[in-house]
PDB file of N, CA and C in Angstrom:
ATOM      1  N   MET A   1       1.300  32.080 -14.935  1.00  0.00           N
ATOM      2  CA  MET A   1       0.734  32.998 -13.990  1.00  0.00           C
ATOM      3  C   MET A   1       0.466  32.231 -12.706  1.00  0.00           C
ATOM      4  N   ASP A   2       0.872  32.788 -11.625  1.00  0.00           N
ATOM      5  CA  ASP A   2       0.585  32.236 -10.304  1.00  0.00           C
ATOM      6  C   ASP A   2      -0.606  32.973  -9.712  1.00  0.00           C
ATOM      7  N   LEU A   3      -1.535  32.226  -9.180  1.00  0.00           N
ATOM      8  CA  LEU A   3      -2.713  32.825  -8.567  1.00  0.00           C
ATOM      9  C   LEU A   3      -2.873  32.224  -7.185  1.00  0.00           C
ATOM     10  N   ASN A   4      -2.764  33.054  -6.189  1.00  0.00           N
ATOM     11  CA  ASN A   4      -2.919  32.603  -4.809  1.00  0.00           C
ATOM     12  C   ASN A   4      -4.162  33.252  -4.209  1.00  0.00           C
ATOM     13  N   LEU A   5      -5.116  32.424  -3.833  1.00  0.00           N
ATOM     14  CA  LEU A   5      -6.362  32.918  -3.250  1.00  0.00           C
ATOM     15  C   LEU A   5      -6.402  32.577  -1.768  1.00  0.00           C
ATOM     16  N   THR A   6      -6.817  33.544  -0.983  1.00  0.00           N
ATOM     17  CA  THR A   6      -7.013  33.274   0.435  1.00  0.00           C
ATOM     18  C   THR A   6      -8.289  32.454   0.597  1.00  0.00           C
ATOM     19  N   ALA A   7      -8.445  31.841   1.726  1.00  0.00           N
ATOM     20  CA  ALA A   7      -9.656  31.070   2.003  1.00  0.00           C
ATOM     21  C   ALA A   7     -10.887  31.965   1.929  1.00  0.00           C
ATOM     22  N   ASP A   8     -10.770  33.209   2.393  1.00  0.00           N
ATOM     23  CA  ASP A   8     -11.896  34.144   2.342  1.00  0.00           C
ATOM     24  C   ASP A   8     -12.284  34.470   0.905  1.00  0.00           C
ATOM     25  N   ARG A   9     -11.292  34.735   0.054  1.00  0.00           N
ATOM     26  CA  ARG A   9     -11.571  35.052  -1.354  1.00  0.00           C
ATOM     27  C   ARG A   9     -12.198  33.860  -2.062  1.00  0.00           C
ATOM     28  N   LEU A  10     -11.677  32.682  -1.818  1.00  0.00           N
ATOM     29  CA  LEU A  10     -12.222  31.480  -2.428  1.00  0.00           C
ATOM     30  C   LEU A  10     -13.661  31.261  -1.988  1.00  0.00           C
ATOM     31  N   SER A  11     -13.950  31.523  -0.745  1.00  0.00           N
ATOM     32  CA  SER A  11     -15.316  31.410  -0.238  1.00  0.00           C
ATOM     33  C   SER A  11     -16.237  32.410  -0.930  1.00  0.00           C
ATOM     34  N   GLU A  12     -15.761  33.633  -1.136  1.00  0.00           N
ATOM     35  CA  GLU A  12     -16.550  34.654  -1.840  1.00  0.00           C
ATOM     36  C   GLU A  12     -16.863  34.212  -3.263  1.00  0.00           C
ATOM     37  N   ILE A  13     -15.887  33.641  -3.940  1.00  0.00           N
ATOM     38  CA  ILE A  13     -16.096  33.167  -5.311  1.00  0.00           C
ATOM     39  C   ILE A  13     -17.114  32.036  -5.327  1.00  0.00           C
ATOM     40  N   ARG A  14     -16.991  31.111  -4.396  1.00  0.00           N
ATOM     41  CA  ARG A  14     -17.931  29.981  -4.342  1.00  0.00           C
ATOM     42  C   ARG A  14     -19.355  30.447  -4.056  1.00  0.00           C
ATOM     43  N   GLN A  15     -19.510  31.496  -3.268  1.00  0.00           N
ATOM     44  CA  GLN A  15     -20.843  32.033  -2.991  1.00  0.00           C
ATOM     45  C   GLN A  15     -21.403  32.759  -4.210  1.00  0.00           C
ATOM     46  N   ALA A  16     -20.551  33.481  -4.920  1.00  0.00           N
ATOM     47  CA  ALA A  16     -20.995  34.248  -6.087  1.00  0.00           C
ATOM     48  C   ALA A  16     -21.314  33.344  -7.274  1.00  0.00           C
ATOM     49  N   VAL A  17     -20.545  32.267  -7.425  1.00  0.00           N
ATOM     50  CA  VAL A  17     -20.712  31.359  -8.558  1.00  0.00           C
ATOM     51  C   VAL A  17     -20.688  29.928  -8.031  1.00  0.00           C
ATOM     52  N   PRO A  18     -21.830  29.450  -7.541  1.00  0.00           N
ATOM     53  CA  PRO A  18     -21.877  28.101  -6.978  1.00  0.00           C
ATOM     54  C   PRO A  18     -21.562  27.036  -8.032  1.00  0.00           C
ATOM     55  N   ALA A  19     -21.042  25.923  -7.597  1.00  0.00           N
ATOM     56  CA  ALA A  19     -20.756  24.802  -8.494  1.00  0.00           C
ATOM     57  C   ALA A  19     -22.014  24.430  -9.268  1.00  0.00           C
ATOM     58  N   GLY A  20     -21.868  24.229 -10.564  1.00  0.00           N
ATOM     59  CA  GLY A  20     -22.996  23.850 -11.407  1.00  0.00           C
ATOM     60  C   GLY A  20     -23.787  25.016 -11.958  1.00  0.00           C
ATOM     61  N   SER A  21     -23.451  26.240 -11.575  1.00  0.00           N
ATOM     62  CA  SER A  21     -24.241  27.386 -12.033  1.00  0.00           C
ATOM     63  C   SER A  21     -23.897  27.797 -13.462  1.00  0.00           C
ATOM     64  N   ALA A  22     -22.737  27.417 -13.940  1.00  0.00           N
ATOM     65  CA  ALA A  22     -22.355  27.739 -15.319  1.00  0.00           C
ATOM     66  C   ALA A  22     -22.646  26.524 -16.186  1.00  0.00           C
ATOM     67  N   ARG A  23     -23.757  26.571 -16.885  1.00  0.00           N
ATOM     68  CA  ARG A  23     -24.135  25.458 -17.746  1.00  0.00           C
ATOM     69  C   ARG A  23     -24.999  25.983 -18.882  1.00  0.00           C
ATOM     70  N   GLY A  24     -25.211  25.138 -19.848  1.00  0.00           N
ATOM     71  CA  GLY A  24     -26.019  25.521 -20.995  1.00  0.00           C
ATOM     72  C   GLY A  24     -25.152  25.863 -22.190  1.00  0.00           C
ATOM     73  N   ASP A  25     -25.832  26.215 -23.266  1.00  0.00           N
ATOM     74  CA  ASP A  25     -25.133  26.554 -24.497  1.00  0.00           C
ATOM     75  C   ASP A  25     -24.421  27.883 -24.363  1.00  0.00           C
ATOM     76  N   ARG A  26     -23.252  27.948 -24.949  1.00  0.00           N
ATOM     77  CA  ARG A  26     -22.478  29.183 -24.914  1.00  0.00           C
ATOM     78  C   ARG A  26     -23.057  30.203 -25.889  1.00  0.00           C
ATOM     79  N   SER A  27     -23.506  29.729 -27.039  1.00  0.00           N
ATOM     80  CA  SER A  27     -24.081  30.593 -28.067  1.00  0.00           C
ATOM     81  C   SER A  27     -25.345  29.938 -28.602  1.00  0.00           C
ATOM     82  N   PRO A  28     -26.269  30.730 -29.168  1.00  0.00           N
ATOM     83  CA  PRO A  28     -27.479  30.147 -29.753  1.00  0.00           C
ATOM     84  C   PRO A  28     -27.131  29.155 -30.865  1.00  0.00           C
ATOM     85  N   SER A  29     -27.936  28.130 -31.020  1.00  0.00           N
ATOM     86  CA  SER A  29     -27.687  27.083 -32.008  1.00  0.00           C
ATOM     87  C   SER A  29     -27.531  27.636 -33.416  1.00  0.00           C
ATOM     88  N   ALA A  30     -28.329  28.650 -33.774  1.00  0.00           N
ATOM     89  CA  ALA A  30     -28.242  29.234 -35.115  1.00  0.00           C
ATOM     90  C   ALA A  30     -26.857  29.831 -35.364  1.00  0.00           C
ATOM     91  N   PHE A  31     -26.290  30.466 -34.384  1.00  0.00           N
ATOM     92  CA  PHE A  31     -24.945  31.037 -34.535  1.00  0.00           C
ATOM     93  C   PHE A  31     -23.917  29.926 -34.720  1.00  0.00           C
ATOM     94  N   MET A  32     -24.049  28.869 -33.943  1.00  0.00           N
ATOM     95  CA  MET A  32     -23.106  27.766 -34.031  1.00  0.00           C
ATOM     96  C   MET A  32     -23.221  27.063 -35.382  1.00  0.00           C
ATOM     97  N   ALA A  33     -24.442  26.939 -35.910  1.00  0.00           N
ATOM     98  CA  ALA A  33     -24.646  26.314 -37.214  1.00  0.00           C
ATOM     99  C   ALA A  33     -23.941  27.116 -38.303  1.00  0.00           C
ATOM    100  N   ASP A  34     -23.970  28.444 -38.200  1.00  0.00           N
ATOM    101  CA  ASP A  34     -23.276  29.293 -39.172  1.00  0.00           C
ATOM    102  C   ASP A  34     -21.772  29.050 -39.155  1.00  0.00           C
ATOM    103  N   LEU A  35     -21.254  28.606 -38.017  1.00  0.00           N
ATOM    104  CA  LEU A  35     -19.824  28.325 -37.897  1.00  0.00           C
ATOM    105  C   LEU A  35     -19.476  26.900 -38.311  1.00  0.00           C
ATOM    106  N   GLY A  36     -20.515  26.104 -38.574  1.00  0.00           N
ATOM    107  CA  GLY A  36     -20.286  24.724 -38.980  1.00  0.00           C
ATOM    108  C   GLY A  36     -20.043  23.775 -37.821  1.00  0.00           C
ATOM    109  N   VAL A  37     -20.447  24.171 -36.636  1.00  0.00           N
ATOM    110  CA  VAL A  37     -20.323  23.301 -35.467  1.00  0.00           C
ATOM    111  C   VAL A  37     -21.682  23.184 -34.797  1.00  0.00           C
ATOM    112  N   GLY A  38     -21.916  22.077 -34.141  1.00  0.00           N
ATOM    113  CA  GLY A  38     -23.198  21.881 -33.476  1.00  0.00           C
ATOM    114  C   GLY A  38     -23.103  22.073 -31.987  1.00  0.00           C
ATOM    115  N   ASN A  39     -24.230  22.373 -31.374  1.00  0.00           N
ATOM    116  CA  ASN A  39     -24.306  22.497 -29.910  1.00  0.00           C
ATOM    117  C   ASN A  39     -24.717  21.174 -29.343  1.00  0.00           C
TER     118      ASN A  39
END
C-alpha cells in the first residue's frame, strides 16, 4: 500500500496525536496473564 500525506495532513496528525502520547499497557495485566504473557 502506498500512502502519500501532504504536509498539511501530516501536521494535522502530529497535532492530534503528539509524539509520545501512545504509551502504557495495551491490555490490563489480568487479561495478559490469562493469555500466558506478561506486561
